[in-house]
Amino acid sequence: MEDDGCGIDEAHITHIFDPFFTTKPVNQAIGMGLAVAWGVVNQHQGQIVVKSTPPHGTVVKVLLPIKPGS
């Protein structure tokens, strides 16, 4: 996935998969979306790769292994 928004600040990038992490005001977001996504991808032995270039946007790649015969 790719967007051309403001990007993710370098100070935040290491925390984006932490449960309850958000940069939004209190009561506006609970910060579970990326934590849940990481958990699902991890259960399938996959990876999520994030590259952000503020202020130009962010690229997120979800990599899942191919299992022959499935």
Protein backbone atom coordinates (compact mmCIF):
# COMPACT_ATOMS: atom_id res chain seq x y z
CA MET A 1 0.00 0.00 0.00
CA GLU A 2 1.23 3.51 -0.64
CA ASP A 3 0.06 6.98 0.19
CA ASP A 4 1.30 10.48 -0.47
CA GLY A 5 0.35 11.92 2.91
CA CYS A 6 2.66 13.52 5.45
CA GLY A 7 4.55 10.30 6.23
CA ILE A 8 5.41 8.83 9.62
CA ASP A 9 7.85 10.70 11.82
CA GLU A 10 11.10 8.81 12.49
CA ALA A 11 10.47 9.01 16.25
CA HIS A 12 7.16 7.14 15.77
CA ILE A 13 8.13 4.52 13.19
CA THR A 14 9.52 2.07 15.78
CA HIS A 15 6.25 2.19 17.74
CA ILE A 16 3.60 1.92 15.02
CA PHE A 17 2.98 -1.79 15.72
CA ASP A 18 2.80 -1.33 19.51
CA PRO A 19 -0.69 -1.97 20.92
CA PHE A 20 -2.49 1.28 21.78
CA PHE A 21 0.12 3.48 20.06
CA THR A 22 -1.46 6.50 18.41
CA THR A 23 -0.52 10.06 17.59
CA LYS A 24 -4.16 11.15 17.67
CA PRO A 25 -5.83 12.90 20.60
CA VAL A 26 -7.23 10.83 23.48
CA ASN A 27 -10.63 9.25 22.69
CA GLN A 28 -10.12 9.67 18.94
CA ALA A 29 -8.29 6.40 18.20
CA ILE A 30 -7.24 3.38 20.24
CA GLY A 31 -4.20 2.42 18.17
CA MET A 32 -4.90 -1.28 17.66
CA GLY A 33 -5.16 -1.56 13.86
CA LEU A 34 -1.49 -2.03 13.02
CA ALA A 35 -0.88 -4.17 16.11
CA VAL A 36 -3.64 -6.55 14.98
CA ALA A 37 -2.36 -6.56 11.39
CA TRP A 38 1.16 -7.37 12.59
CA GLY A 39 -0.18 -10.22 14.73
CA VAL A 40 -2.06 -11.81 11.82
CA VAL A 41 0.87 -11.48 9.42
CA ASN A 42 3.28 -12.82 12.06
CA GLN A 43 1.06 -15.88 12.66
CA HIS A 44 1.50 -16.70 8.97
CA GLN A 45 5.30 -16.29 9.17
CA GLY A 46 5.11 -13.09 7.15
CA GLN A 47 6.56 -9.62 7.46
CA ILE A 48 5.33 -6.06 7.25
CA VAL A 49 7.88 -3.66 5.79
CA VAL A 50 7.34 0.08 6.25
CA LYS A 51 9.25 2.83 4.47
CA SER A 52 8.25 6.38 5.22
CA THR A 53 9.69 9.55 3.76
CA PRO A 54 8.19 12.58 5.49
CA PRO A 55 6.68 14.75 4.09
CA HIS A 56 6.21 12.63 0.95
CA GLY A 57 4.31 9.60 2.20
CA THR A 58 4.62 6.00 3.29
CA VAL A 59 4.89 2.61 1.59
CA VAL A 60 3.77 -0.51 3.47
CA LYS A 61 4.43 -3.99 2.08
CA VAL A 62 2.88 -7.14 3.50
CA LEU A 63 5.02 -10.16 2.64
CA LEU A 64 3.55 -13.63 3.09
CA PRO A 65 5.30 -16.92 2.31
CA ILE A 66 4.01 -19.12 -0.49
CA LYS A 67 3.30 -22.66 0.62
CA PRO A 68 3.43 -25.15 -2.26
CA GLY A 69 0.26 -27.17 -2.69
CA SER A 70 -2.00 -24.79 -0.82
